[in-house]
Amino acid sequence: QPYQRLLQVATTEEAVEAEPPKEDRIDLPADIYGLTISVATSDLPQVLEGSRTTFHLLRLFFGLACLAINVWLQLMIVHEVDRYIVARAVHNTQANYAQYHAEVFDIDGNFLPDKWADWDGPKAK
């Protein structure tokens, strides 16, 4: 078993003594959110304290612009999905229900079982 050796090493005293020293660095995700964390923690303080080098300003602007574009694209995708998929599905469901209610109920809102048995409208599958 490949994990047996790992478990054996992890439970011995030698493994505890041989731990590498802890570093002050952590790995950030390699995506736009990692970039934003990076510029917010390294470049933003530099700019706010007044040491405005072109490099810090450019990197800060680039990181925040990428984040803004990313969020805008996500919102546009949600909007288009709502517009072209969800809205059509809701409209079709409402139209089907209106047809069902008009053909299977009487004017007073009473259910007509004989009409339901013979109804040829759209039914849930």
Foldseek 3Di string as FASTA:
>chain_A
DVCVVVVVLVPDPVNVVPDDDDDPDDDFDPDLVSLQVVLVPPLVVCVVVPVDDVVSVVSNVVSVVVVVVVVVVVVVVVVVCCVPPVVVVVVVVVVQVVVCQVQQADPVSHGHVVSVVVDPGDDDD
